[in-house]
Amino acid sequence: MATQRDIADHLGITQPAVAGLVRDGVITPAARGSYDLDAARLAYCSHLREQAAGRASQSGAALDLATERARLAAAQAEAQERKNARERGELVDLVEITNTITGLIELTKAYLSRVGAVVAKGDAALRQRIDQAVNNALIDLSDVEVVDIYAMHLGAMIEPDE
């Protein structure tokens, strides 16, 4: 009878690798804590053949070839679907849309900041009140979360301040 250390030396692998093979059921003990060296060698060789053929499925770092091929095929199909959606105009580049929205916000802010001068036409007190109202609105808008905007889009009501 042999120990895991004996099997490791015989197969040219480490003792932790043998322990993993025992844990995965590749090598089974003949008796409590002892192993048949010939049976362990044959089981290990069979296991290696199954791995090479792509039929072995086990935990750890070893690849299940069929599963990996399926994952690759799914990833390739998803990439092609994204490419097709982009070509149809259904997807946009995140950086591009972010820059566009940022530019739109800056333009809106610039237009709103001119409202006081256009409406007040020389009335300093009126202009000050309008500028203050516009600035307050911009500050309030800067505190709005994206989640809140999404909720508004779904039909939530906004109550104006009185």
Protein backbone atom coordinates (compact mmCIF):
# COMPACT_ATOMS: atom_id res chain seq x y z
CA MET A 1 0.00 0.00 0.00
CA ALA A 2 1.15 3.53 -0.81
CA THR A 3 0.63 7.01 0.63
CA GLN A 4 -0.29 10.14 -1.28
CA ARG A 5 3.40 11.12 -1.11
CA ASP A 6 4.35 7.78 -2.72
CA ILE A 7 1.82 8.32 -5.50
CA ALA A 8 3.11 11.87 -6.08
CA ASP A 9 6.68 10.62 -6.40
CA HIS A 10 5.58 7.78 -8.70
CA LEU A 11 3.55 10.05 -11.01
CA GLY A 12 5.95 13.02 -10.92
CA ILE A 13 3.41 15.43 -9.45
CA THR A 14 3.08 17.16 -6.10
CA GLN A 15 1.35 15.72 -3.06
CA PRO A 16 -1.25 18.57 -3.09
CA ALA A 17 -2.04 17.61 -6.71
CA VAL A 18 -2.61 14.02 -5.57
CA ALA A 19 -4.83 15.29 -2.74
CA GLY A 20 -6.86 17.21 -5.35
CA LEU A 21 -7.22 14.06 -7.45
CA VAL A 22 -8.41 12.18 -4.38
CA ARG A 23 -10.85 14.98 -3.53
CA ASP A 24 -12.20 14.92 -7.12
CA GLY A 25 -12.63 11.13 -6.98
CA VAL A 26 -10.02 10.40 -9.66
CA ILE A 27 -7.88 8.38 -7.25
CA THR A 28 -9.67 6.38 -4.59
CA PRO A 29 -8.11 4.87 -1.48
CA ALA A 30 -7.88 1.08 -1.26
CA ALA A 31 -8.06 1.32 2.54
CA ARG A 32 -8.22 4.18 4.99
CA GLY A 33 -5.34 6.52 4.06
CA SER A 34 -3.57 4.02 1.82
CA TYR A 35 -3.68 3.55 -1.92
CA ASP A 36 -2.91 0.88 -4.48
CA LEU A 37 -0.05 2.38 -6.50
CA ASP A 38 -0.95 0.56 -9.74
CA ALA A 39 -4.63 1.51 -9.46
CA ALA A 40 -3.69 5.14 -8.76
CA ARG A 41 -1.40 5.22 -11.83
CA LEU A 42 -4.08 3.71 -14.09
CA ALA A 43 -6.74 6.09 -12.75
CA TYR A 44 -4.43 9.07 -13.28
CA CYS A 45 -3.59 7.99 -16.86
CA SER A 46 -7.29 7.50 -17.62
CA HIS A 47 -8.03 10.91 -16.19
CA LEU A 48 -5.35 12.51 -18.39
CA ARG A 49 -6.77 10.78 -21.48
CA GLU A 50 -10.24 12.11 -20.67
CA GLN A 51 -8.85 15.62 -20.24
CA ALA A 52 -6.96 15.42 -23.52
CA ALA A 53 -10.11 14.25 -25.30
CA GLY A 54 -12.06 17.16 -23.80
CA ARG A 55 -14.44 14.91 -21.92
CA ALA A 56 -13.18 15.45 -18.40
CA SER A 57 -15.16 17.77 -16.20
CA GLN A 58 -13.78 18.53 -12.81
CA SER A 59 -13.41 21.37 -10.38
CA GLY A 60 -10.28 23.42 -10.15
CA ALA A 61 -8.13 24.77 -12.94
CA ALA A 62 -8.75 22.00 -15.46
CA LEU A 63 -10.88 23.05 -18.41
CA ASP A 64 -14.05 21.34 -19.46
CA LEU A 65 -13.47 21.73 -23.18
CA ALA A 66 -17.12 21.38 -24.21
CA THR A 67 -18.20 24.00 -21.67
CA GLU A 68 -15.42 26.36 -22.71
CA ARG A 69 -16.35 25.97 -26.39
CA ALA A 70 -19.98 26.72 -25.56
CA ARG A 71 -18.94 29.81 -23.59
CA LEU A 72 -16.78 30.98 -26.49
CA ALA A 73 -19.61 30.47 -28.98
CA ALA A 74 -22.02 32.40 -26.75
CA ALA A 75 -19.53 35.26 -26.33
CA GLN A 76 -18.95 35.41 -30.10
CA ALA A 77 -22.69 35.44 -30.76
CA GLU A 78 -23.18 38.24 -28.22
CA ALA A 79 -20.36 40.27 -29.79
CA GLN A 80 -21.93 39.86 -33.22
CA GLU A 81 -25.35 40.91 -31.86
CA ARG A 82 -23.79 44.07 -30.38
CA LYS A 83 -22.05 44.82 -33.70
CA ASN A 84 -25.32 44.39 -35.60
CA ALA A 85 -27.21 46.59 -33.12
CA ARG A 86 -24.56 49.33 -33.47
CA GLU A 87 -24.84 49.16 -37.26
CA ARG A 88 -28.64 49.48 -37.02
CA GLY A 89 -28.21 52.55 -34.79
CA GLU A 90 -29.71 50.83 -31.73
CA LEU A 91 -26.55 51.24 -29.63
CA VAL A 92 -24.45 54.33 -29.07
CA ASP A 93 -20.95 54.78 -27.74
CA LEU A 94 -21.04 55.70 -24.05
CA VAL A 95 -18.30 58.34 -24.35
CA GLU A 96 -20.00 59.89 -27.39
CA ILE A 97 -23.41 60.12 -25.72
CA THR A 98 -21.88 61.41 -22.47
CA ASN A 99 -20.05 64.17 -24.35
CA THR A 100 -23.22 65.07 -26.27
CA ILE A 101 -25.34 65.28 -23.12
CA THR A 102 -22.64 67.27 -21.30
CA GLY A 103 -22.51 69.75 -24.19
CA LEU A 104 -26.29 70.05 -24.17
CA ILE A 105 -26.32 70.75 -20.44
CA GLU A 106 -23.61 73.41 -20.78
CA LEU A 107 -25.50 75.06 -23.66
CA THR A 108 -28.75 75.03 -21.68
CA LYS A 109 -26.99 76.56 -18.69
CA ALA A 110 -25.54 79.33 -20.88
CA TYR A 111 -28.96 80.15 -22.36
CA LEU A 112 -30.63 80.18 -18.96
CA SER A 113 -28.00 82.52 -17.54
CA ARG A 114 -28.98 85.13 -20.19
CA VAL A 115 -32.70 85.04 -19.36
CA GLY A 116 -32.41 87.71 -16.64
CA ALA A 117 -30.78 90.27 -18.93
CA VAL A 118 -33.23 89.62 -21.78
CA VAL A 119 -36.39 89.79 -19.65
CA ALA A 120 -35.42 92.57 -17.22
CA LYS A 121 -34.33 95.06 -19.93
CA GLY A 122 -32.50 97.36 -17.53
CA ASP A 123 -34.58 96.73 -14.40
CA ALA A 124 -31.78 95.78 -11.98
CA ALA A 125 -34.08 94.48 -9.22
CA LEU A 126 -36.06 92.30 -11.65
CA ARG A 127 -32.86 91.01 -13.23
CA GLN A 128 -31.46 90.11 -9.81
CA ARG A 129 -34.65 88.16 -8.92
CA ILE A 130 -34.64 86.33 -12.27
CA ASP A 131 -30.91 85.51 -12.02
CA GLN A 132 -31.43 84.24 -8.46
CA ALA A 133 -34.38 82.06 -9.57
CA VAL A 134 -32.39 80.65 -12.49
CA ASN A 135 -29.37 79.96 -10.26
CA ASN A 136 -31.59 78.25 -7.66
CA ALA A 137 -33.14 76.10 -10.40
CA LEU A 138 -29.67 75.13 -11.69
CA ILE A 139 -28.54 74.24 -8.16
CA ASP A 140 -31.69 72.14 -7.65
CA LEU A 141 -31.11 70.39 -10.98
CA SER A 142 -27.51 69.61 -10.07
CA ASP A 143 -28.79 67.68 -7.03
CA VAL A 144 -31.12 65.46 -9.08
CA GLU A 145 -29.96 61.84 -9.26
CA VAL A 146 -30.11 59.82 -12.46
CA VAL A 147 -32.53 57.47 -10.69
CA ASP A 148 -34.86 60.43 -10.07
CA ILE A 149 -34.75 61.39 -13.75
CA TYR A 150 -35.61 57.82 -14.67
CA ALA A 151 -38.56 57.90 -12.25
CA MET A 152 -39.76 61.15 -13.82
CA HIS A 153 -39.50 59.54 -17.23
CA LEU A 154 -41.80 56.77 -16.04
CA GLY A 155 -44.50 59.29 -15.20
CA ALA A 156 -43.74 60.52 -11.68
CA MET A 157 -45.18 63.98 -11.02
CA ILE A 158 -43.00 66.95 -10.11
CA GLU A 159 -44.58 69.35 -7.63
CA PRO A 160 -43.51 72.98 -8.29
CA ASP A 161 -42.41 75.09 -5.33
CA GLU A 162 -44.97 77.76 -4.43
